[in-house]
PDB file of N, CA and C in Angstrom:
ATOM      1  N   UNK A   1     211.633 109.484 145.108  1.00  0.00           N
ATOM      2  CA  UNK A   1     211.767 110.786 145.727  1.00  0.00           C
ATOM      3  C   UNK A   1     210.737 110.925 146.839  1.00  0.00           C
ATOM      4  N   UNK A   2     211.138 111.548 147.897  1.00  0.00           N
ATOM      5  CA  UNK A   2     210.270 111.778 149.052  1.00  0.00           C
ATOM      6  C   UNK A   2     209.308 112.933 148.756  1.00  0.00           C
ATOM      7  N   UNK A   3     208.012 112.676 148.848  1.00  0.00           N
ATOM      8  CA  UNK A   3     207.011 113.720 148.610  1.00  0.00           C
ATOM      9  C   UNK A   3     206.314 114.149 149.898  1.00  0.00           C
ATOM     10  N   UNK A   4     206.968 113.935 151.043  1.00  0.00           N
ATOM     11  CA  UNK A   4     206.418 114.433 152.305  1.00  0.00           C
ATOM     12  C   UNK A   4     206.692 115.934 152.346  1.00  0.00           C
ATOM     13  N   UNK A   5     205.632 116.703 152.543  1.00  0.00           N
ATOM     14  CA  UNK A   5     205.678 118.157 152.401  1.00  0.00           C
ATOM     15  C   UNK A   5     205.168 118.824 153.658  1.00  0.00           C
ATOM     16  N   UNK A   6     205.741 119.959 154.010  1.00  0.00           N
ATOM     17  CA  UNK A   6     205.210 120.771 155.114  1.00  0.00           C
ATOM     18  C   UNK A   6     204.190 121.743 154.548  1.00  0.00           C
ATOM     19  N   UNK A   7     202.991 121.666 155.098  1.00  0.00           N
ATOM     20  CA  UNK A   7     201.871 122.495 154.639  1.00  0.00           C
ATOM     21  C   UNK A   7     201.290 123.213 155.856  1.00  0.00           C
ATOM     22  N   UNK A   8     200.999 124.503 155.702  1.00  0.00           N
ATOM     23  CA  UNK A   8     200.345 125.262 156.765  1.00  0.00           C
ATOM     24  C   UNK A   8     198.887 125.474 156.416  1.00  0.00           C
ATOM     25  N   UNK A   9     198.010 125.284 157.405  1.00  0.00           N
ATOM     26  CA  UNK A   9     196.601 125.589 157.212  1.00  0.00           C
ATOM     27  C   UNK A   9     196.487 127.074 156.879  1.00  0.00           C
ATOM     28  N   UNK A  10     195.741 127.429 155.823  1.00  0.00           N
ATOM     29  CA  UNK A  10     195.624 128.841 155.450  1.00  0.00           C
ATOM     30  C   UNK A  10     194.766 129.656 156.425  1.00  0.00           C
ATOM     31  N   UNK A  11     194.075 129.001 157.339  1.00  0.00           N
ATOM     32  CA  UNK A  11     193.195 129.691 158.277  1.00  0.00           C
ATOM     33  C   UNK A  11     193.875 129.930 159.626  1.00  0.00           C
ATOM     34  N   UNK A  12     194.449 128.879 160.209  1.00  0.00           N
ATOM     35  CA  UNK A  12     194.995 128.993 161.560  1.00  0.00           C
ATOM     36  C   UNK A  12     196.520 128.861 161.607  1.00  0.00           C
ATOM     37  N   UNK A  13     197.129 128.476 160.482  1.00  0.00           N
ATOM     38  CA  UNK A  13     198.573 128.357 160.419  1.00  0.00           C
ATOM     39  C   UNK A  13     199.137 127.044 160.940  1.00  0.00           C
ATOM     40  N   UNK A  14     198.280 126.144 161.412  1.00  0.00           N
ATOM     41  CA  UNK A  14     198.733 124.851 161.928  1.00  0.00           C
ATOM     42  C   UNK A  14     199.549 124.141 160.852  1.00  0.00           C
ATOM     43  N   UNK A  15     200.704 123.597 161.232  1.00  0.00           N
ATOM     44  CA  UNK A  15     201.598 122.979 160.261  1.00  0.00           C
ATOM     45  C   UNK A  15     201.459 121.458 160.263  1.00  0.00           C
ATOM     46  N   UNK A  16     201.421 120.898 159.062  1.00  0.00           N
ATOM     47  CA  UNK A  16     201.312 119.459 158.840  1.00  0.00           C
ATOM     48  C   UNK A  16     202.509 118.985 158.050  1.00  0.00           C
ATOM     49  N   UNK A  17     202.807 117.706 158.180  1.00  0.00           N
ATOM     50  CA  UNK A  17     203.652 117.013 157.223  1.00  0.00           C
ATOM     51  C   UNK A  17     202.725 116.049 156.504  1.00  0.00           C
ATOM     52  N   UNK A  18     202.503 116.309 155.222  1.00  0.00           N
ATOM     53  CA  UNK A  18     201.571 115.537 154.415  1.00  0.00           C
ATOM     54  C   UNK A  18     202.353 114.795 153.336  1.00  0.00           C
ATOM     55  N   UNK A  19     202.049 113.525 153.149  1.00  0.00           N
ATOM     56  CA  UNK A  19     202.661 112.762 152.070  1.00  0.00           C
ATOM     57  C   UNK A  19     201.878 113.045 150.798  1.00  0.00           C
ATOM     58  N   UNK A  20     202.422 113.916 149.950  1.00  0.00           N
ATOM     59  CA  UNK A  20     201.730 114.297 148.724  1.00  0.00           C
ATOM     60  C   UNK A  20     201.597 113.137 147.747  1.00  0.00           C
ATOM     61  N   UNK A  21     202.352 112.078 147.963  1.00  0.00           N
ATOM     62  CA  UNK A  21     202.228 110.907 147.093  1.00  0.00           C
ATOM     63  C   UNK A  21     200.809 110.355 147.115  1.00  0.00           C
ATOM     64  N   UNK A  22     200.109 110.548 148.227  1.00  0.00           N
ATOM     65  CA  UNK A  22     198.716 110.109 148.334  1.00  0.00           C
ATOM     66  C   UNK A  22     197.794 110.882 147.401  1.00  0.00           C
ATOM     67  N   UNK A  23     198.253 112.032 146.901  1.00  0.00           N
ATOM     68  CA  UNK A  23     197.412 112.903 146.079  1.00  0.00           C
ATOM     69  C   UNK A  23     197.964 113.103 144.665  1.00  0.00           C
ATOM     70  N   UNK A  24     198.894 112.248 144.236  1.00  0.00           N
ATOM     71  CA  UNK A  24     199.432 112.338 142.877  1.00  0.00           C
ATOM     72  C   UNK A  24     198.362 111.846 141.903  1.00  0.00           C
ATOM     73  N   UNK A  25     198.004 112.698 140.944  1.00  0.00           N
ATOM     74  CA  UNK A  25     196.991 112.335 139.957  1.00  0.00           C
ATOM     75  C   UNK A  25     197.598 112.067 138.586  1.00  0.00           C
ATOM     76  N   UNK A  26     198.875 112.468 138.390  1.00  0.00           N
ATOM     77  CA  UNK A  26     199.532 112.231 137.108  1.00  0.00           C
ATOM     78  C   UNK A  26     201.042 112.290 137.308  1.00  0.00           C
ATOM     79  N   UNK A  27     201.746 111.458 136.563  1.00  0.00           N
ATOM     80  CA  UNK A  27     203.213 111.469 136.555  1.00  0.00           C
ATOM     81  C   UNK A  27     203.636 111.504 135.100  1.00  0.00           C
ATOM     82  N   UNK A  28     204.468 112.477 134.747  1.00  0.00           N
ATOM     83  CA  UNK A  28     204.968 112.557 133.371  1.00  0.00           C
ATOM     84  C   UNK A  28     206.470 112.804 133.423  1.00  0.00           C
ATOM     85  N   UNK A  29     207.154 112.437 132.358  1.00  0.00           N
ATOM     86  CA  UNK A  29     208.597 112.655 132.332  1.00  0.00           C
ATOM     87  C   UNK A  29     209.058 112.932 130.917  1.00  0.00           C
ATOM     88  N   UNK A  30     210.205 113.602 130.831  1.00  0.00           N
ATOM     89  CA  UNK A  30     210.857 113.802 129.543  1.00  0.00           C
ATOM     90  C   UNK A  30     212.362 113.734 129.757  1.00  0.00           C
ATOM     91  N   UNK A  31     213.059 113.315 128.735  1.00  0.00           N
ATOM     92  CA  UNK A  31     214.501 113.132 128.826  1.00  0.00           C
ATOM     93  C   UNK A  31     215.229 114.467 128.731  1.00  0.00           C
ATOM     94  N   UNK A  32     216.243 114.588 129.594  1.00  0.00           N
ATOM     95  CA  UNK A  32     217.135 115.748 129.579  1.00  0.00           C
ATOM     96  C   UNK A  32     218.568 115.237 129.601  1.00  0.00           C
ATOM     97  N   UNK A  33     219.521 116.125 129.735  1.00  0.00           N
ATOM     98  CA  UNK A  33     220.936 115.753 129.687  1.00  0.00           C
ATOM     99  C   UNK A  33     221.320 114.703 130.723  1.00  0.00           C
ATOM    100  N   UNK A  34     220.827 114.825 131.961  1.00  0.00           N
ATOM    101  CA  UNK A  34     221.211 113.915 133.042  1.00  0.00           C
ATOM    102  C   UNK A  34     220.136 112.858 133.311  1.00  0.00           C
ATOM    103  N   UNK A  35     219.332 112.546 132.324  1.00  0.00           N
ATOM    104  CA  UNK A  35     218.285 111.542 132.488  1.00  0.00           C
ATOM    105  C   UNK A  35     216.906 112.165 132.467  1.00  0.00           C
ATOM    106  N   UNK A  36     215.957 111.436 133.007  1.00  0.00           N
ATOM    107  CA  UNK A  36     214.558 111.864 132.953  1.00  0.00           C
ATOM    108  C   UNK A  36     214.250 112.924 134.006  1.00  0.00           C
ATOM    109  N   UNK A  37     213.486 113.937 133.600  1.00  0.00           N
ATOM    110  CA  UNK A  37     212.889 114.886 134.538  1.00  0.00           C
ATOM    111  C   UNK A  37     211.445 114.428 134.724  1.00  0.00           C
ATOM    112  N   UNK A  38     211.041 114.223 135.975  1.00  0.00           N
ATOM    113  CA  UNK A  38     209.699 113.707 136.269  1.00  0.00           C
ATOM    114  C   UNK A  38     208.884 114.777 136.971  1.00  0.00           C
ATOM    115  N   UNK A  39     207.667 114.965 136.507  1.00  0.00           N
ATOM    116  CA  UNK A  39     206.730 115.901 137.130  1.00  0.00           C
ATOM    117  C   UNK A  39     205.614 115.099 137.787  1.00  0.00           C
ATOM    118  N   UNK A  40     205.396 115.377 139.081  1.00  0.00           N
ATOM    119  CA  UNK A  40     204.296 114.776 139.834  1.00  0.00           C
ATOM    120  C   UNK A  40     203.222 115.842 139.981  1.00  0.00           C
ATOM    121  N   UNK A  41     202.044 115.596 139.418  1.00  0.00           N
ATOM    122  CA  UNK A  41     200.933 116.532 139.524  1.00  0.00           C
ATOM    123  C   UNK A  41     200.107 116.153 140.755  1.00  0.00           C
ATOM    124  N   UNK A  42     199.930 117.131 141.635  1.00  0.00           N
ATOM    125  CA  UNK A  42     199.266 116.927 142.923  1.00  0.00           C
ATOM    126  C   UNK A  42     197.890 117.570 142.893  1.00  0.00           C
ATOM    127  N   UNK A  43     196.883 116.840 143.400  1.00  0.00           N
ATOM    128  CA  UNK A  43     195.536 117.405 143.505  1.00  0.00           C
ATOM    129  C   UNK A  43     194.816 116.797 144.698  1.00  0.00           C
ATOM    130  N   UNK A  44     194.556 117.617 145.689  1.00  0.00           N
ATOM    131  CA  UNK A  44     193.758 117.222 146.852  1.00  0.00           C
ATOM    132  C   UNK A  44     192.610 118.223 146.915  1.00  0.00           C
ATOM    133  N   UNK A  45     191.414 117.782 146.595  1.00  0.00           N
ATOM    134  CA  UNK A  45     190.283 118.695 146.524  1.00  0.00           C
ATOM    135  C   UNK A  45     189.843 119.210 147.881  1.00  0.00           C
ATOM    136  N   UNK A  46     190.055 118.395 148.928  1.00  0.00           N
ATOM    137  CA  UNK A  46     189.576 118.820 150.243  1.00  0.00           C
ATOM    138  C   UNK A  46     190.399 118.148 151.344  1.00  0.00           C
ATOM    139  N   UNK A  47     191.016 118.969 152.182  1.00  0.00           N
ATOM    140  CA  UNK A  47     191.771 118.485 153.336  1.00  0.00           C
ATOM    141  C   UNK A  47     191.260 119.251 154.547  1.00  0.00           C
ATOM    142  N   UNK A  48     190.914 118.555 155.602  1.00  0.00           N
ATOM    143  CA  UNK A  48     190.364 119.217 156.787  1.00  0.00           C
ATOM    144  C   UNK A  48     191.450 119.393 157.848  1.00  0.00           C
ATOM    145  N   UNK A  49     191.590 120.604 158.327  1.00  0.00           N
ATOM    146  CA  UNK A  49     192.570 120.917 159.365  1.00  0.00           C
ATOM    147  C   UNK A  49     192.150 120.254 160.683  1.00  0.00           C
ATOM    148  N   UNK A  50     193.080 119.550 161.307  1.00  0.00           N
ATOM    149  CA  UNK A  50     192.810 118.916 162.600  1.00  0.00           C
ATOM    150  C   UNK A  50     192.649 119.944 163.713  1.00  0.00           C
ATOM    151  N   UNK A  51     193.211 121.124 163.517  1.00  0.00           N
ATOM    152  CA  UNK A  51     193.192 122.151 164.554  1.00  0.00           C
ATOM    153  C   UNK A  51     191.920 123.002 164.510  1.00  0.00           C
ATOM    154  N   UNK A  52     191.603 123.582 163.350  1.00  0.00           N
ATOM    155  CA  UNK A  52     190.443 124.488 163.260  1.00  0.00           C
ATOM    156  C   UNK A  52     189.260 123.864 162.516  1.00  0.00           C
ATOM    157  N   UNK A  53     189.452 122.681 161.933  1.00  0.00           N
ATOM    158  CA  UNK A  53     188.421 121.917 161.239  1.00  0.00           C
ATOM    159  C   UNK A  53     187.898 122.573 159.966  1.00  0.00           C
ATOM    160  N   UNK A  54     188.629 123.559 159.437  1.00  0.00           N
ATOM    161  CA  UNK A  54     188.243 124.167 158.160  1.00  0.00           C
ATOM    162  C   UNK A  54     188.894 123.392 157.030  1.00  0.00           C
ATOM    163  N   UNK A  55     188.278 123.480 155.864  1.00  0.00           N
ATOM    164  CA  UNK A  55     188.737 122.714 154.717  1.00  0.00           C
ATOM    165  C   UNK A  55     189.510 123.588 153.740  1.00  0.00           C
ATOM    166  N   UNK A  56     190.555 122.970 153.153  1.00  0.00           N
ATOM    167  CA  UNK A  56     191.336 123.644 152.125  1.00  0.00           C
ATOM    168  C   UNK A  56     191.788 122.617 151.099  1.00  0.00           C
ATOM    169  N   UNK A  57     192.194 123.106 149.940  1.00  0.00           N
ATOM    170  CA  UNK A  57     192.675 122.235 148.873  1.00  0.00           C
ATOM    171  C   UNK A  57     194.173 122.404 148.689  1.00  0.00           C
ATOM    172  N   UNK A  58     194.778 121.414 148.048  1.00  0.00           N
ATOM    173  CA  UNK A  58     196.207 121.439 147.748  1.00  0.00           C
ATOM    174  C   UNK A  58     196.350 121.035 146.286  1.00  0.00           C
ATOM    175  N   UNK A  59     197.089 121.839 145.510  1.00  0.00           N
ATOM    176  CA  UNK A  59     197.300 121.485 144.109  1.00  0.00           C
ATOM    177  C   UNK A  59     198.624 122.039 143.623  1.00  0.00           C
ATOM    178  N   UNK A  60     199.113 121.455 142.545  1.00  0.00           N
ATOM    179  CA  UNK A  60     200.346 121.934 141.939  1.00  0.00           C
ATOM    180  C   UNK A  60     201.196 120.789 141.438  1.00  0.00           C
ATOM    181  N   UNK A  61     202.509 121.046 141.348  1.00  0.00           N
ATOM    182  CA  UNK A  61     203.443 120.061 140.813  1.00  0.00           C
ATOM    183  C   UNK A  61     204.738 120.069 141.599  1.00  0.00           C
ATOM    184  N   UNK A  62     205.396 118.917 141.598  1.00  0.00           N
ATOM    185  CA  UNK A  62     206.740 118.765 142.141  1.00  0.00           C
ATOM    186  C   UNK A  62     207.561 118.103 141.041  1.00  0.00           C
ATOM    187  N   UNK A  63     208.770 118.640 140.788  1.00  0.00           N
ATOM    188  CA  UNK A  63     209.633 118.100 139.747  1.00  0.00           C
ATOM    189  C   UNK A  63     210.858 117.429 140.354  1.00  0.00           C
ATOM    190  N   UNK A  64     211.208 116.294 139.790  1.00  0.00           N
ATOM    191  CA  UNK A  64     212.372 115.514 140.197  1.00  0.00           C
ATOM    192  C   UNK A  64     213.356 115.500 139.024  1.00  0.00           C
ATOM    193  N   UNK A  65     214.581 115.968 139.270  1.00  0.00           N
ATOM    194  CA  UNK A  65     215.619 115.949 138.228  1.00  0.00           C
ATOM    195  C   UNK A  65     216.950 116.288 138.849  1.00  0.00           C
ATOM    196  N   UNK A  66     217.967 115.463 138.605  1.00  0.00           N
ATOM    197  CA  UNK A  66     217.897 114.158 137.970  1.00  0.00           C
ATOM    198  C   UNK A  66     217.141 113.168 138.851  1.00  0.00           C
ATOM    199  N   UNK A  67     217.013 111.943 138.385  1.00  0.00           N
ATOM    200  CA  UNK A  67     216.236 110.928 139.088  1.00  0.00           C
ATOM    201  C   UNK A  67     216.642 110.841 140.557  1.00  0.00           C
ATOM    202  N   UNK A  68     215.631 110.929 141.438  1.00  0.00           N
ATOM    203  CA  UNK A  68     215.870 110.831 142.878  1.00  0.00           C
ATOM    204  C   UNK A  68     216.140 112.145 143.571  1.00  0.00           C
ATOM    205  N   UNK A  69     216.285 113.231 142.811  1.00  0.00           N
ATOM    206  CA  UNK A  69     216.629 114.531 143.407  1.00  0.00           C
ATOM    207  C   UNK A  69     215.504 115.542 143.212  1.00  0.00           C
ATOM    208  N   UNK A  70     215.176 116.265 144.282  1.00  0.00           N
ATOM    209  CA  UNK A  70     214.200 117.355 144.192  1.00  0.00           C
ATOM    210  C   UNK A  70     214.769 118.436 143.276  1.00  0.00           C
ATOM    211  N   UNK A  71     213.937 118.949 142.372  1.00  0.00           N
ATOM    212  CA  UNK A  71     214.368 120.017 141.474  1.00  0.00           C
ATOM    213  C   UNK A  71     213.591 121.305 141.718  1.00  0.00           C
ATOM    214  N   UNK A  72     212.262 121.232 141.763  1.00  0.00           N
ATOM    215  CA  UNK A  72     211.446 122.439 141.896  1.00  0.00           C
ATOM    216  C   UNK A  72     210.036 122.034 142.309  1.00  0.00           C
ATOM    217  N   UNK A  73     209.248 123.027 142.730  1.00  0.00           N
ATOM    218  CA  UNK A  73     207.855 122.762 143.075  1.00  0.00           C
ATOM    219  C   UNK A  73     207.021 124.012 142.891  1.00  0.00           C
ATOM    220  N   UNK A  74     205.741 123.793 142.711  1.00  0.00           N
ATOM    221  CA  UNK A  74     204.751 124.862 142.615  1.00  0.00           C
ATOM    222  C   UNK A  74     203.491 124.326 143.277  1.00  0.00           C
ATOM    223  N   UNK A  75     203.474 124.354 144.615  1.00  0.00           N
ATOM    224  CA  UNK A  75     202.346 123.831 145.383  1.00  0.00           C
ATOM    225  C   UNK A  75     201.534 125.008 145.908  1.00  0.00           C
ATOM    226  N   UNK A  76     200.232 124.952 145.698  1.00  0.00           N
ATOM    227  CA  UNK A  76     199.323 126.033 146.099  1.00  0.00           C
ATOM    228  C   UNK A  76     198.297 125.497 147.093  1.00  0.00           C
ATOM    229  N   UNK A  77     198.064 126.266 148.144  1.00  0.00           N
ATOM    230  CA  UNK A  77     197.044 125.947 149.146  1.00  0.00           C
ATOM    231  C   UNK A  77     195.830 126.825 148.837  1.00  0.00           C
ATOM    232  N   UNK A  78     194.665 126.220 148.714  1.00  0.00           N
ATOM    233  CA  UNK A  78     193.464 126.953 148.312  1.00  0.00           C
ATOM    234  C   UNK A  78     192.440 126.962 149.437  1.00  0.00           C
ATOM    235  N   UNK A  79     192.017 128.144 149.851  1.00  0.00           N
ATOM    236  CA  UNK A  79     190.964 128.261 150.868  1.00  0.00           C
ATOM    237  C   UNK A  79     189.636 127.840 150.253  1.00  0.00           C
ATOM    238  N   UNK A  80     188.916 126.987 150.940  1.00  0.00           N
ATOM    239  CA  UNK A  80     187.611 126.530 150.469  1.00  0.00           C
ATOM    240  C   UNK A  80     186.466 127.088 151.316  1.00  0.00           C
ATOM    241  N   UNK A  81     186.790 127.740 152.431  1.00  0.00           N
ATOM    242  CA  UNK A  81     185.784 128.295 153.320  1.00  0.00           C
ATOM    243  C   UNK A  81     186.123 129.748 153.605  1.00  0.00           C
ATOM    244  N   UNK A  82     185.132 130.474 154.081  1.00  0.00           N
ATOM    245  CA  UNK A  82     185.363 131.848 154.509  1.00  0.00           C
ATOM    246  C   UNK A  82     186.252 131.812 155.749  1.00  0.00           C
ATOM    247  N   UNK A  83     187.361 132.526 155.730  1.00  0.00           N
ATOM    248  CA  UNK A  83     188.322 132.513 156.828  1.00  0.00           C
ATOM    249  C   UNK A  83     187.830 133.160 158.093  1.00  0.00           C
ATOM    250  N   UNK A  84     186.675 133.842 158.090  1.00  0.00           N
ATOM    251  CA  UNK A  84     186.173 134.533 159.264  1.00  0.00           C
ATOM    252  C   UNK A  84     185.346 133.646 160.192  1.00  0.00           C
ATOM    253  N   UNK A  85     184.978 132.459 159.748  1.00  0.00           N
ATOM    254  CA  UNK A  85     184.121 131.585 160.558  1.00  0.00           C
ATOM    255  C   UNK A  85     184.826 131.040 161.755  1.00  0.00           C
TER     256      UNK A  85
END
């Protein structure tokens, strides 16, 4: 499954395409009717915006079900700096 994601900087709004596969910290699966449902747990503690140079984090999960198909996601962007700087 493709884990390239569009992410906006929480400070300046600059948009990125980030390969979340680089930040997968855990993969788990369980069997369902149409095969395995796979959860990819994402954790990026610090990502620096190329535009405003402020740092933010990315965390959450992406689910694949059935195999090879996007099912759902819960990706959160976390501000790590004061947005007024």
